[in-house]
Amino acid sequence: MEEAMAGKNPREIGKVAKGLFSDENARIANRAVMKVLAVAGLAD
């Protein structure tokens, strides 16, 4: 899983997350990803 995510863009990670989790958990995971990107200064 980690090596599959390495080098992926956020949208691809979001697709992976949606495939692995229920809709509610996918939203939580996507929010967490966006928070990490915002902290890293990469979020649009």
C-alpha atoms as a PDB file:
ATOM      1  CA  MET A   1       0.000   0.000   0.000  1.00  0.00           C
ATOM      2  CA  GLU A   2       2.698   2.512   0.979  1.00  0.00           C
ATOM      3  CA  GLU A   3       4.819   1.734  -2.047  1.00  0.00           C
ATOM      4  CA  ALA A   4       1.714   1.956  -4.239  1.00  0.00           C
ATOM      5  CA  MET A   5       1.089   5.470  -2.893  1.00  0.00           C
ATOM      6  CA  ALA A   6       4.709   6.593  -3.304  1.00  0.00           C
ATOM      7  CA  GLY A   7       4.875   9.079  -6.157  1.00  0.00           C
ATOM      8  CA  LYS A   8       1.108   9.212  -6.607  1.00  0.00           C
ATOM      9  CA  ASN A   9      -0.696  12.504  -6.903  1.00  0.00           C
ATOM     10  CA  PRO A  10      -3.395  13.434  -4.355  1.00  0.00           C
ATOM     11  CA  ARG A  11      -6.270  12.584  -6.702  1.00  0.00           C
ATOM     12  CA  GLU A  12      -4.878   9.080  -7.235  1.00  0.00           C
ATOM     13  CA  ILE A  13      -4.445   8.662  -3.479  1.00  0.00           C
ATOM     14  CA  GLY A  14      -8.055   9.805  -3.063  1.00  0.00           C
ATOM     15  CA  LYS A  15      -9.204   7.149  -5.527  1.00  0.00           C
ATOM     16  CA  VAL A  16      -7.244   4.496  -3.626  1.00  0.00           C
ATOM     17  CA  ALA A  17      -8.754   5.698  -0.344  1.00  0.00           C
ATOM     18  CA  LYS A  18     -12.269   5.561  -1.787  1.00  0.00           C
ATOM     19  CA  GLY A  19     -11.626   2.023  -2.982  1.00  0.00           C
ATOM     20  CA  LEU A  20     -10.464   0.916   0.473  1.00  0.00           C
ATOM     21  CA  PHE A  21     -12.875   2.716   2.777  1.00  0.00           C
ATOM     22  CA  SER A  22     -16.595   3.345   3.041  1.00  0.00           C
ATOM     23  CA  ASP A  23     -17.816   6.693   1.712  1.00  0.00           C
ATOM     24  CA  GLU A  24     -17.717   8.317   5.138  1.00  0.00           C
ATOM     25  CA  ASN A  25     -14.225   7.069   5.902  1.00  0.00           C
ATOM     26  CA  ALA A  26     -13.066   8.138   2.438  1.00  0.00           C
ATOM     27  CA  ARG A  27     -14.209  11.693   3.140  1.00  0.00           C
ATOM     28  CA  ILE A  28     -12.298  11.642   6.436  1.00  0.00           C
ATOM     29  CA  ALA A  29      -9.206  10.267   4.699  1.00  0.00           C
ATOM     30  CA  ASN A  30      -9.410  12.850   1.920  1.00  0.00           C
ATOM     31  CA  ARG A  31      -9.720  15.625   4.492  1.00  0.00           C
ATOM     32  CA  ALA A  32      -6.635  14.282   6.267  1.00  0.00           C
ATOM     33  CA  VAL A  33      -4.723  14.204   2.974  1.00  0.00           C
ATOM     34  CA  MET A  34      -5.711  17.798   2.241  1.00  0.00           C
ATOM     35  CA  LYS A  35      -4.598  18.875   5.716  1.00  0.00           C
ATOM     36  CA  VAL A  36      -1.199  17.270   5.149  1.00  0.00           C
ATOM     37  CA  LEU A  37      -0.901  18.971   1.758  1.00  0.00           C
ATOM     38  CA  ALA A  38      -1.929  22.324   3.224  1.00  0.00           C
ATOM     39  CA  VAL A  39       0.710  22.003   5.937  1.00  0.00           C
ATOM     40  CA  ALA A  40       3.265  21.110   3.266  1.00  0.00           C
ATOM     41  CA  GLY A  41       2.158  24.135   1.226  1.00  0.00           C
ATOM     42  CA  LEU A  42       1.079  21.992  -1.714  1.00  0.00           C
ATOM     43  CA  ALA A  43      -2.703  22.417  -1.553  1.00  0.00           C
ATOM     44  CA  ASP A  44      -4.220  24.697  -4.163  1.00  0.00           C
END
